Amino acid sequence: MKTFFKSFWGTLAAMVVAGILLFAVSIIIFAGAMSSFSSTTVELKPNSVLTLGFDENIVDSPVTDPMAMLSMSFGGGASKTLTIYQVITALEQAKNDDNIKGIYLRFDGAGSVQGNAQMEELRAALVDFKESGKFIISYTTTYSMGMYWLASVADKIYLNPEGALDWSGLASSVMFYKGLIDKLGIDVDIIRHGTYKSAVEPYMMDHMSPANRLQMEALTGSLWNTLLNDVSQARGIEVDKLQQYADELTMVTAADAVECGFIDELLYEDQVNVIIADLIKGEESAEAEDEKAEESKEDIDKEKFESIRLGDYTSLATISSKKISKNKVAIIYADGQIVDGKGAADITPGAMMEKLQEARKDKNVKAVVFRINSPGGSALASEEIWREVTLLREQKPVIVSMSCYAASGGYYIASPADVILSDRTTLTGSIGVFGVVPSVGKALEKNLGLTVDVVKTAAHADMGNGMRPLTSVEIAKMTESVEDVYTTFVNHVAEGRNMTFEAVDKIGEGRVWSGVDAANIGLVDGFGGLKDAIALAADRAGVVDDFRVVEILGEQDSFTAMMQQLSAAVRVAMGKNLTDDALTYYNAVRKIVENSGVQAMMPYFITIE
């Protein structure tokens, strides 16, 4: 009894101490974060340059947690998180802002852009900004291909004399688990409909199937062609030459990048600052620019110019761009994997249906932009959301804006929309379903000596308990379920896209398409980003000249919000040992295995880096 009370009071004391420490740390983090925001007053001065230093993380959708504006890291302080909508709204305002004379792409921050679609939409916003006649200057010490794709819109692209530029092409790889599964003695039953539905291949093969390789080559090829054509048009370099430079790894030194036409000049940062200062003053000529670029870096007065960082300007733009109108165009975000039940950072039917219903019942919401960034997930959850989107469309225009991924279950919920817009780099389609049922009973017995015995009231009561493989009868029943879901999926797409079942089935089979190819086969109606979708929604609703944009975000409980923040902190802490790609694949695989029922999931995460 004494031992019991000793353990009890010791445990209780530990819990109290842990609670106090957690509370104290939270207060410190919150106070530090708030002081960092409140200690600096944002001021926009005349003749300023808008600097895109990528200090912030640019993501697709907002998070309802009020603390999610901060991305906590260990030793790295706190960085702001911006949505792509905030960024493109700010750039649109900067285009017409007399205080902003140009944009400086500096690439010196520790933030990131979430994916290809966000990068593509950011690039399009910069192209639109240039129509104002204002300058865009780019400089960094090292350009990745993604950074250069963005920088290619600039009037001048500069590079440090000892810098580097990566121009080696795109590659995408898939990790296979079949060998590990066999070594551990794990059984995996797999049922799928779709020759190209390769999400299950890692469990059953040790290499790509011919069909999978075919679609991966098509996908990476499409993304690469988008990159080539954009850079070719911006820099005046033939596509064949760009391909040759990648094949031959021509870009070894910074001087090579200048010789090949990628970079205008090799300069140090202080020299670039002189050029920007002169552009603002409007005093330079081509000869003067060359002369001043060679001046001593000690002449610091000539380097000075007023600058405002993107994060600061975004907060000003958000405030000044608010428009009062009773007519609303609502944005609803579907960002993450589609799961049953509740998830901290996923799309759940309950939460999503609430937001769709809110838009449907609000008489002032005249149209909805449904922004989807999802590789899919639970077929049942997708069906529930599909129904609510269908009901919404019956009452007001629904425009789908596809982000990086809107595939499988992500396409399922998009299919009822009036119009579907995608970016060229969007991955979509993947019309197919599968079921994965792993069983670890033999592995536990073989490796750990653990066994499980079962008492049941019916022959199949323990079906799918993870301890034994499925029987032939159970596989037949699950196959029937998979086929039924696939038929429903195809019928929904056929109805939404005004196509025949046979036509959808032909382009289905689980195949993933790029936005470019999806437009050619009728899965999307055209190319455009979030701003294009908003404009189209307003036009369809007949409120082009009188509307305001609202974001329907729903509510998030405090525990979920806290877990999201902890997840972000752990992600940073693990960054040295586990790459972002590895984390992405790990989370995708984990959810495939954990989720019960039939899945509609796309297997790819291809990023232009």
Foldseek 3Di string as FASTA:
>chain_A
DVVVVVVVVVVVVVVVVVVVVVVVVVVVLVVVVVCVVPVDDQDQAALAEAEAQQQEAEAADDDQPPVVLWQDAVPPRTGGYHYLVLLLLLLVVLLVDRRHQYYEYENNHPYYYDFDQSLLSNLVSNLVSCVSVGFYEYEYQEAALSNLLSVLQGPAYEYAQFGFYDQAAFDDDDAACCVVCVVLVKDKDKAKFFPCQCLCVSNPHGDDDPSVVVLVCQLSVLVRVVSLVSNCVSQVQDSVLSVVCNVVVQGPGPVSCCVRRSHVYHADPQLVLLLSLCVSVVNDDPVRNVVSSPDDSVVNVSSDDHYDYSVSSSVVSVVVVFDDFLAEEEEEEQAAEEADDDDLGHHYLVQLLVLLVVLQPRPNHAEYEYEYHYQYKALVSLVSLLVSVLVSVVRHAYEYEYGQEQEFSSLLNVLQHPAYAYAQNHKYAQLMKMAMQMANQVSCCVPPVDHDDDDDDDPCPCPRVRHDDDDPVRSVVQNVQRVVSSQVSLVSNCVSQVHDSVLSSVVHSRRMDGSVVCCVSRSHVYYDHPVVRSCVRCVRSVNNPGYGYHYRNGDDDPVSVVVVSVVSHVCNVCCVPAPPVRVVQVVVVVSSHPGDDMIGGRRDDTRRD
